[in-house]
C-alpha atoms as a PDB file:
ATOM      1  CA  UNK A   1      10.719   6.263   5.416  1.00  0.00           C
ATOM      2  CA  UNK A   2       8.615   9.420   5.166  1.00  0.00           C
ATOM      3  CA  UNK A   3       9.613  11.845   7.927  1.00  0.00           C
ATOM      4  CA  UNK A   4       8.494  15.356   6.919  1.00  0.00           C
ATOM      5  CA  UNK A   5       7.145  13.797   3.740  1.00  0.00           C
ATOM      6  CA  UNK A   6       3.924  12.851   5.570  1.00  0.00           C
ATOM      7  CA  UNK A   7       2.341  16.268   4.931  1.00  0.00           C
ATOM      8  CA  UNK A   8       3.521  16.256   1.321  1.00  0.00           C
ATOM      9  CA  UNK A   9       2.306  12.724   0.631  1.00  0.00           C
ATOM     10  CA  UNK A  10      -1.088  13.530   2.079  1.00  0.00           C
ATOM     11  CA  UNK A  11      -1.438  16.600  -0.124  1.00  0.00           C
ATOM     12  CA  UNK A  12      -0.102  15.073  -3.342  1.00  0.00           C
ATOM     13  CA  UNK A  13      -2.339  12.009  -3.191  1.00  0.00           C
ATOM     14  CA  UNK A  14      -5.290  13.974  -4.582  1.00  0.00           C
ATOM     15  CA  UNK A  15      -5.291  11.925  -7.800  1.00  0.00           C
ATOM     16  CA  UNK A  16      -5.397   8.478  -6.147  1.00  0.00           C
ATOM     17  CA  UNK A  17      -8.878   7.003  -6.389  1.00  0.00           C
ATOM     18  CA  UNK A  18      -9.168   5.721  -2.836  1.00  0.00           C
ATOM     19  CA  UNK A  19     -12.921   5.302  -2.943  1.00  0.00           C
ATOM     20  CA  UNK A  20     -12.711   3.180  -6.089  1.00  0.00           C
ATOM     21  CA  UNK A  21      -9.978   1.007  -4.589  1.00  0.00           C
ATOM     22  CA  UNK A  22     -12.015   0.618  -1.403  1.00  0.00           C
ATOM     23  CA  UNK A  23     -15.051  -0.423  -3.445  1.00  0.00           C
ATOM     24  CA  UNK A  24     -12.907  -3.042  -5.220  1.00  0.00           C
ATOM     25  CA  UNK A  25     -12.077  -4.493  -1.820  1.00  0.00           C
ATOM     26  CA  UNK A  26     -15.679  -4.392  -0.631  1.00  0.00           C
ATOM     27  CA  UNK A  27     -16.767  -6.243  -3.761  1.00  0.00           C
ATOM     28  CA  UNK A  28     -14.184  -8.963  -3.076  1.00  0.00           C
ATOM     29  CA  UNK A  29     -15.291  -9.203   0.562  1.00  0.00           C
ATOM     30  CA  UNK A  30     -18.801  -9.948  -0.684  1.00  0.00           C
ATOM     31  CA  UNK A  31     -17.636 -12.406  -3.352  1.00  0.00           C
ATOM     32  CA  UNK A  32     -15.547 -14.378  -0.876  1.00  0.00           C
ATOM     33  CA  UNK A  33     -18.202 -14.200   1.844  1.00  0.00           C
ATOM     34  CA  UNK A  34     -15.889 -12.623   4.405  1.00  0.00           C
ATOM     35  CA  UNK A  35     -17.186 -11.628   7.840  1.00  0.00           C
ATOM     36  CA  UNK A  36     -16.863  -7.966   8.731  1.00  0.00           C
ATOM     37  CA  UNK A  37     -15.609  -8.309  12.264  1.00  0.00           C
ATOM     38  CA  UNK A  38     -11.952  -7.284  12.296  1.00  0.00           C
ATOM     39  CA  UNK A  39      -9.723  -5.797   9.592  1.00  0.00           C
ATOM     40  CA  UNK A  40      -5.995  -5.076   9.422  1.00  0.00           C
ATOM     41  CA  UNK A  41      -4.512  -2.588   6.987  1.00  0.00           C
ATOM     42  CA  UNK A  42      -0.733  -2.748   6.635  1.00  0.00           C
ATOM     43  CA  UNK A  43       1.156   0.372   5.512  1.00  0.00           C
ATOM     44  CA  UNK A  44      -1.982   2.419   6.146  1.00  0.00           C
ATOM     45  CA  UNK A  45      -0.294   5.810   5.731  1.00  0.00           C
ATOM     46  CA  UNK A  46      -2.523   8.671   6.783  1.00  0.00           C
ATOM     47  CA  UNK A  47      -5.746   6.679   6.549  1.00  0.00           C
ATOM     48  CA  UNK A  48      -7.049   7.854   3.189  1.00  0.00           C
ATOM     49  CA  UNK A  49      -8.012   4.292   2.261  1.00  0.00           C
ATOM     50  CA  UNK A  50      -8.799   3.097   5.780  1.00  0.00           C
ATOM     51  CA  UNK A  51     -11.523   5.667   6.405  1.00  0.00           C
ATOM     52  CA  UNK A  52     -13.686   4.091   3.701  1.00  0.00           C
ATOM     53  CA  UNK A  53     -14.062   1.015   5.949  1.00  0.00           C
ATOM     54  CA  UNK A  54     -15.045   2.747   9.192  1.00  0.00           C
ATOM     55  CA  UNK A  55     -18.683   1.737   8.711  1.00  0.00           C
ATOM     56  CA  UNK A  56     -17.914  -1.758   7.403  1.00  0.00           C
ATOM     57  CA  UNK A  57     -15.920  -3.393  10.202  1.00  0.00           C
ATOM     58  CA  UNK A  58     -16.486  -3.544  13.942  1.00  0.00           C
ATOM     59  CA  UNK A  59     -12.765  -3.146  14.621  1.00  0.00           C
ATOM     60  CA  UNK A  60      -9.859  -1.946  12.466  1.00  0.00           C
ATOM     61  CA  UNK A  61      -6.137  -2.168  13.172  1.00  0.00           C
ATOM     62  CA  UNK A  62      -4.146   0.246  10.989  1.00  0.00           C
ATOM     63  CA  UNK A  63      -0.379  -0.214  10.978  1.00  0.00           C
ATOM     64  CA  UNK A  64       2.436   1.886   9.559  1.00  0.00           C
ATOM     65  CA  UNK A  65       6.205   2.221   9.966  1.00  0.00           C
ATOM     66  CA  UNK A  66       6.005   6.031   9.962  1.00  0.00           C
ATOM     67  CA  UNK A  67       4.937   7.725  13.195  1.00  0.00           C
ATOM     68  CA  UNK A  68       4.432  10.941  11.197  1.00  0.00           C
ATOM     69  CA  UNK A  69       1.930   9.210   8.927  1.00  0.00           C
ATOM     70  CA  UNK A  70       0.066   7.870  11.938  1.00  0.00           C
ATOM     71  CA  UNK A  71       0.043  11.360  13.456  1.00  0.00           C
ATOM     72  CA  UNK A  72      -1.594  12.616  10.237  1.00  0.00           C
ATOM     73  CA  UNK A  73      -4.096   9.761  10.481  1.00  0.00           C
ATOM     74  CA  UNK A  74      -4.974  10.614  14.072  1.00  0.00           C
ATOM     75  CA  UNK A  75      -5.329  14.322  13.320  1.00  0.00           C
ATOM     76  CA  UNK A  76      -7.817  13.697  10.485  1.00  0.00           C
ATOM     77  CA  UNK A  77      -9.953  10.834  11.767  1.00  0.00           C
ATOM     78  CA  UNK A  78     -11.292  10.503  15.284  1.00  0.00           C
ATOM     79  CA  UNK A  79     -12.778   7.027  15.330  1.00  0.00           C
ATOM     80  CA  UNK A  80     -12.850   4.832  18.410  1.00  0.00           C
ATOM     81  CA  UNK A  81     -13.032   1.601  16.414  1.00  0.00           C
ATOM     82  CA  UNK A  82      -9.588   2.201  14.824  1.00  0.00           C
ATOM     83  CA  UNK A  83      -6.413   1.119  16.605  1.00  0.00           C
ATOM     84  CA  UNK A  84      -3.260   2.748  15.193  1.00  0.00           C
ATOM     85  CA  UNK A  85      -0.107   0.623  15.398  1.00  0.00           C
ATOM     86  CA  UNK A  86       3.461   1.843  14.872  1.00  0.00           C
ATOM     87  CA  UNK A  87       5.292  -1.254  13.644  1.00  0.00           C
ATOM     88  CA  UNK A  88       7.138  -2.875  10.729  1.00  0.00           C
ATOM     89  CA  UNK A  89       4.539  -4.805   8.724  1.00  0.00           C
ATOM     90  CA  UNK A  90       7.060  -7.532   7.859  1.00  0.00           C
ATOM     91  CA  UNK A  91       7.405  -8.523  11.517  1.00  0.00           C
ATOM     92  CA  UNK A  92       3.859  -7.949  12.766  1.00  0.00           C
ATOM     93  CA  UNK A  93       2.270 -10.984  14.409  1.00  0.00           C
ATOM     94  CA  UNK A  94      -1.255 -11.285  15.808  1.00  0.00           C
ATOM     95  CA  UNK A  95      -2.259 -14.889  15.075  1.00  0.00           C
ATOM     96  CA  UNK A  96      -5.756 -15.771  13.873  1.00  0.00           C
ATOM     97  CA  UNK A  97      -7.058 -12.272  14.622  1.00  0.00           C
ATOM     98  CA  UNK A  98      -8.359 -10.894  11.316  1.00  0.00           C
ATOM     99  CA  UNK A  99     -11.077 -11.563   8.772  1.00  0.00           C
ATOM    100  CA  UNK A 100      -9.366  -9.275   6.244  1.00  0.00           C
ATOM    101  CA  UNK A 101      -5.821  -8.020   5.702  1.00  0.00           C
ATOM    102  CA  UNK A 102      -5.171  -5.281   3.128  1.00  0.00           C
ATOM    103  CA  UNK A 103      -1.792  -4.154   1.721  1.00  0.00           C
ATOM    104  CA  UNK A 104      -2.355  -1.589  -1.017  1.00  0.00           C
ATOM    105  CA  UNK A 105      -0.732   1.196  -3.051  1.00  0.00           C
ATOM    106  CA  UNK A 106       2.470  -0.680  -3.993  1.00  0.00           C
ATOM    107  CA  UNK A 107       3.542  -1.151  -0.379  1.00  0.00           C
ATOM    108  CA  UNK A 108       4.634  -4.639  -1.451  1.00  0.00           C
ATOM    109  CA  UNK A 109       7.125  -3.128  -3.905  1.00  0.00           C
ATOM    110  CA  UNK A 110       8.793  -1.274  -1.037  1.00  0.00           C
ATOM    111  CA  UNK A 111       9.704  -4.637   0.525  1.00  0.00           C
ATOM    112  CA  UNK A 112      12.890  -4.969  -1.480  1.00  0.00           C
ATOM    113  CA  UNK A 113      14.285  -8.132   0.172  1.00  0.00           C
ATOM    114  CA  UNK A 114      12.424 -11.223  -1.133  1.00  0.00           C
ATOM    115  CA  UNK A 115      13.135 -13.007   2.175  1.00  0.00           C
ATOM    116  CA  UNK A 116      11.305 -10.232   4.014  1.00  0.00           C
ATOM    117  CA  UNK A 117       8.420 -10.585   1.578  1.00  0.00           C
ATOM    118  CA  UNK A 118       8.214 -14.311   2.308  1.00  0.00           C
ATOM    119  CA  UNK A 119       8.119 -13.515   6.014  1.00  0.00           C
ATOM    120  CA  UNK A 120       5.385 -10.921   5.469  1.00  0.00           C
ATOM    121  CA  UNK A 121       3.183 -13.409   3.634  1.00  0.00           C
ATOM    122  CA  UNK A 122       3.685 -16.128   6.228  1.00  0.00           C
ATOM    123  CA  UNK A 123       2.752 -13.695   8.977  1.00  0.00           C
ATOM    124  CA  UNK A 124      -0.305 -12.542   7.022  1.00  0.00           C
ATOM    125  CA  UNK A 125      -1.400 -16.143   6.623  1.00  0.00           C
ATOM    126  CA  UNK A 126      -0.968 -16.788  10.351  1.00  0.00           C
ATOM    127  CA  UNK A 127      -2.659 -13.520  11.326  1.00  0.00           C
ATOM    128  CA  UNK A 128      -5.817 -14.338   9.375  1.00  0.00           C
ATOM    129  CA  UNK A 129      -8.679 -16.352  10.778  1.00  0.00           C
ATOM    130  CA  UNK A 130      -9.469 -19.585   8.947  1.00  0.00           C
ATOM    131  CA  UNK A 131     -11.077 -18.624   5.648  1.00  0.00           C
ATOM    132  CA  UNK A 132      -9.869 -15.024   6.005  1.00  0.00           C
ATOM    133  CA  UNK A 133      -8.910 -12.904   3.018  1.00  0.00           C
ATOM    134  CA  UNK A 134      -5.669 -11.197   2.008  1.00  0.00           C
ATOM    135  CA  UNK A 135      -5.932  -8.401  -0.581  1.00  0.00           C
ATOM    136  CA  UNK A 136      -2.793  -6.734  -1.907  1.00  0.00           C
ATOM    137  CA  UNK A 137      -1.473  -4.980  -4.987  1.00  0.00           C
ATOM    138  CA  UNK A 138       1.800  -4.355  -6.804  1.00  0.00           C
ATOM    139  CA  UNK A 139       2.973  -1.934  -9.431  1.00  0.00           C
ATOM    140  CA  UNK A 140       3.007  -3.793 -12.732  1.00  0.00           C
ATOM    141  CA  UNK A 141       6.298  -4.675 -14.370  1.00  0.00           C
ATOM    142  CA  UNK A 142       5.427  -2.300 -17.208  1.00  0.00           C
ATOM    143  CA  UNK A 143       4.951   0.592 -14.806  1.00  0.00           C
ATOM    144  CA  UNK A 144       8.147  -0.186 -12.911  1.00  0.00           C
ATOM    145  CA  UNK A 145      10.335  -0.630 -15.993  1.00  0.00           C
ATOM    146  CA  UNK A 146       8.858   1.778 -18.535  1.00  0.00           C
ATOM    147  CA  UNK A 147       7.272   4.556 -16.466  1.00  0.00           C
ATOM    148  CA  UNK A 148       9.434   4.603 -13.336  1.00  0.00           C
ATOM    149  CA  UNK A 149      12.608   3.109 -14.843  1.00  0.00           C
ATOM    150  CA  UNK A 150      15.603   5.449 -14.966  1.00  0.00           C
ATOM    151  CA  UNK A 151      13.389   8.441 -15.648  1.00  0.00           C
ATOM    152  CA  UNK A 152      13.098  11.954 -14.248  1.00  0.00           C
ATOM    153  CA  UNK A 153       9.957  13.949 -13.500  1.00  0.00           C
ATOM    154  CA  UNK A 154       9.192  17.537 -12.497  1.00  0.00           C
ATOM    155  CA  UNK A 155       5.886  18.557 -10.901  1.00  0.00           C
ATOM    156  CA  UNK A 156       4.259  21.608  -9.351  1.00  0.00           C
ATOM    157  CA  UNK A 157       1.104  21.591  -7.246  1.00  0.00           C
ATOM    158  CA  UNK A 158      -0.133  24.545  -5.196  1.00  0.00           C
ATOM    159  CA  UNK A 159       2.644  25.368  -2.689  1.00  0.00           C
ATOM    160  CA  UNK A 160       4.859  22.392  -3.624  1.00  0.00           C
ATOM    161  CA  UNK A 161       7.398  22.070  -6.426  1.00  0.00           C
ATOM    162  CA  UNK A 162       9.340  18.822  -6.717  1.00  0.00           C
ATOM    163  CA  UNK A 163      11.697  16.766  -8.815  1.00  0.00           C
ATOM    164  CA  UNK A 164      11.721  12.975  -8.936  1.00  0.00           C
ATOM    165  CA  UNK A 165      14.836  11.196 -10.244  1.00  0.00           C
ATOM    166  CA  UNK A 166      14.895   7.420 -10.690  1.00  0.00           C
ATOM    167  CA  UNK A 167      17.733   4.994 -11.320  1.00  0.00           C
ATOM    168  CA  UNK A 168      16.936   1.378 -12.144  1.00  0.00           C
ATOM    169  CA  UNK A 169      19.355  -1.526 -11.761  1.00  0.00           C
ATOM    170  CA  UNK A 170      18.852  -5.245 -11.071  1.00  0.00           C
ATOM    171  CA  UNK A 171      15.051  -4.936 -10.675  1.00  0.00           C
ATOM    172  CA  UNK A 172      15.433  -2.142  -8.118  1.00  0.00           C
ATOM    173  CA  UNK A 173      14.308   1.434  -8.708  1.00  0.00           C
ATOM    174  CA  UNK A 174      16.117   3.950  -6.496  1.00  0.00           C
ATOM    175  CA  UNK A 175      14.157   7.191  -6.185  1.00  0.00           C
ATOM    176  CA  UNK A 176      15.472  10.574  -5.115  1.00  0.00           C
ATOM    177  CA  UNK A 177      12.772  13.163  -4.494  1.00  0.00           C
ATOM    178  CA  UNK A 178      13.451  16.839  -3.816  1.00  0.00           C
ATOM    179  CA  UNK A 179      10.483  18.832  -2.553  1.00  0.00           C
ATOM    180  CA  UNK A 180      10.401  22.609  -2.283  1.00  0.00           C
ATOM    181  CA  UNK A 181       7.525  23.724  -0.051  1.00  0.00           C
ATOM    182  CA  UNK A 182       6.594  27.395   0.006  1.00  0.00           C
ATOM    183  CA  UNK A 183       6.738  29.141   3.371  1.00  0.00           C
ATOM    184  CA  UNK A 184       4.289  31.923   4.353  1.00  0.00           C
ATOM    185  CA  UNK A 185       6.977  34.552   3.602  1.00  0.00           C
ATOM    186  CA  UNK A 186       7.473  33.275   0.046  1.00  0.00           C
ATOM    187  CA  UNK A 187      10.708  31.423   0.686  1.00  0.00           C
ATOM    188  CA  UNK A 188      10.943  27.679   0.165  1.00  0.00           C
ATOM    189  CA  UNK A 189      11.917  24.804   2.421  1.00  0.00           C
ATOM    190  CA  UNK A 190      13.714  21.876   0.769  1.00  0.00           C
ATOM    191  CA  UNK A 191      12.830  18.334   1.840  1.00  0.00           C
ATOM    192  CA  UNK A 192      14.696  15.333   0.452  1.00  0.00           C
ATOM    193  CA  UNK A 193      13.385  11.785   0.329  1.00  0.00           C
ATOM    194  CA  UNK A 194      15.083   8.589  -0.808  1.00  0.00           C
ATOM    195  CA  UNK A 195      12.952   5.550  -1.586  1.00  0.00           C
ATOM    196  CA  UNK A 196      13.396   2.224  -3.327  1.00  0.00           C
ATOM    197  CA  UNK A 197      10.995  -0.241  -4.945  1.00  0.00           C
ATOM    198  CA  UNK A 198      11.582  -3.719  -6.349  1.00  0.00           C
ATOM    199  CA  UNK A 199       9.996  -5.185  -9.469  1.00  0.00           C
ATOM    200  CA  UNK A 200       7.862  -8.250  -8.700  1.00  0.00           C
ATOM    201  CA  UNK A 201       6.191 -10.217 -11.458  1.00  0.00           C
ATOM    202  CA  UNK A 202       2.629 -11.512 -11.310  1.00  0.00           C
ATOM    203  CA  UNK A 203       3.926 -15.102 -11.481  1.00  0.00           C
ATOM    204  CA  UNK A 204       6.271 -14.464  -8.565  1.00  0.00           C
ATOM    205  CA  UNK A 205       3.512 -13.044  -6.380  1.00  0.00           C
ATOM    206  CA  UNK A 206       1.093 -15.800  -7.356  1.00  0.00           C
ATOM    207  CA  UNK A 207       3.617 -18.504  -6.445  1.00  0.00           C
ATOM    208  CA  UNK A 208       4.507 -16.738  -3.209  1.00  0.00           C
ATOM    209  CA  UNK A 209       0.857 -16.621  -2.161  1.00  0.00           C
ATOM    210  CA  UNK A 210       0.357 -20.297  -2.971  1.00  0.00           C
ATOM    211  CA  UNK A 211       3.594 -21.334  -1.249  1.00  0.00           C
ATOM    212  CA  UNK A 212       2.433 -19.428   1.844  1.00  0.00           C
ATOM    213  CA  UNK A 213      -0.721 -21.565   1.945  1.00  0.00           C
ATOM    214  CA  UNK A 214      -3.244 -19.271   0.273  1.00  0.00           C
ATOM    215  CA  UNK A 215      -5.932 -20.623  -2.052  1.00  0.00           C
ATOM    216  CA  UNK A 216      -8.694 -19.278  -4.331  1.00  0.00           C
ATOM    217  CA  UNK A 217      -6.388 -16.681  -5.868  1.00  0.00           C
ATOM    218  CA  UNK A 218      -7.914 -13.956  -8.063  1.00  0.00           C
ATOM    219  CA  UNK A 219      -5.980 -11.357 -10.072  1.00  0.00           C
ATOM    220  CA  UNK A 220      -7.290  -8.104 -11.592  1.00  0.00           C
ATOM    221  CA  UNK A 221      -6.286  -4.819 -13.126  1.00  0.00           C
ATOM    222  CA  UNK A 222      -6.827  -2.611 -10.072  1.00  0.00           C
ATOM    223  CA  UNK A 223      -7.937   0.426 -12.059  1.00  0.00           C
ATOM    224  CA  UNK A 224     -10.369  -1.286 -14.429  1.00  0.00           C
ATOM    225  CA  UNK A 225     -11.337  -4.369 -12.358  1.00  0.00           C
ATOM    226  CA  UNK A 226     -10.841  -6.295 -15.597  1.00  0.00           C
ATOM    227  CA  UNK A 227      -8.153  -8.616 -16.867  1.00  0.00           C
ATOM    228  CA  UNK A 228      -4.517  -7.637 -16.582  1.00  0.00           C
ATOM    229  CA  UNK A 229      -3.039  -6.560 -19.920  1.00  0.00           C
ATOM    230  CA  UNK A 230      -0.018  -4.715 -21.295  1.00  0.00           C
ATOM    231  CA  UNK A 231      -1.433  -1.355 -20.154  1.00  0.00           C
ATOM    232  CA  UNK A 232      -2.094  -2.362 -16.536  1.00  0.00           C
ATOM    233  CA  UNK A 233      -0.462  -0.062 -13.976  1.00  0.00           C
ATOM    234  CA  UNK A 234      -1.519  -1.734 -10.726  1.00  0.00           C
ATOM    235  CA  UNK A 235      -2.239  -5.446 -10.273  1.00  0.00           C
ATOM    236  CA  UNK A 236      -4.712  -6.425  -7.542  1.00  0.00           C
ATOM    237  CA  UNK A 237      -4.618  -9.859  -5.870  1.00  0.00           C
ATOM    238  CA  UNK A 238      -7.053 -11.578  -3.548  1.00  0.00           C
ATOM    239  CA  UNK A 239      -6.279 -14.869  -1.773  1.00  0.00           C
ATOM    240  CA  UNK A 240      -8.026 -16.853   0.932  1.00  0.00           C
ATOM    241  CA  UNK A 241      -6.498 -18.606   3.920  1.00  0.00           C
ATOM    242  CA  UNK A 242      -7.245 -22.322   3.680  1.00  0.00           C
END
């Protein structure tokens, strides 16, 4: 999905509070009493969340569908306990291997076919050890409909200028992004990206987790760690394998 966007994504993620999100996960690991043997992060990107767990787990598998993102990961972090995997997270199977599986930063919303999402959750359930923990998030319906929606944005940051045009129809937000990256000679290179996210409600995700066999479900506002309300932007879920 990302191609040349890997460099841009890495640079423009300066405002994402990775350490806070990692601490949310660590708190849930403690609350659920999860062993810290082996962790899987799906849609790991360039490792900006993963690196906060290098000292917490004996072994980490980090998977992404973008080889460019994994190249960025490998160039930044040299850690022999991390195994980088180039694969589609929907289809990944490694039964009963993990104490913890993490899917963060609205990667769920990028799974636009509900059948694929069902498959992802069944595979996550099977890939966890008994009593293992799945932690995932989604963009809230408010964020998807009112902030993303059919809206347009223009940003500039250091050597990057970009426009972001959204079109929403039938619970899908199609996104066209045009990036203009400054070259050393002052000219600009244009990079286009097309992405799509689907709106998923809290009730839908809760039922999907339960139908997949998960128990002990907890739901939070990911940014405040409090209850979800009308201002929530990201919804965080935790669910245990029975």
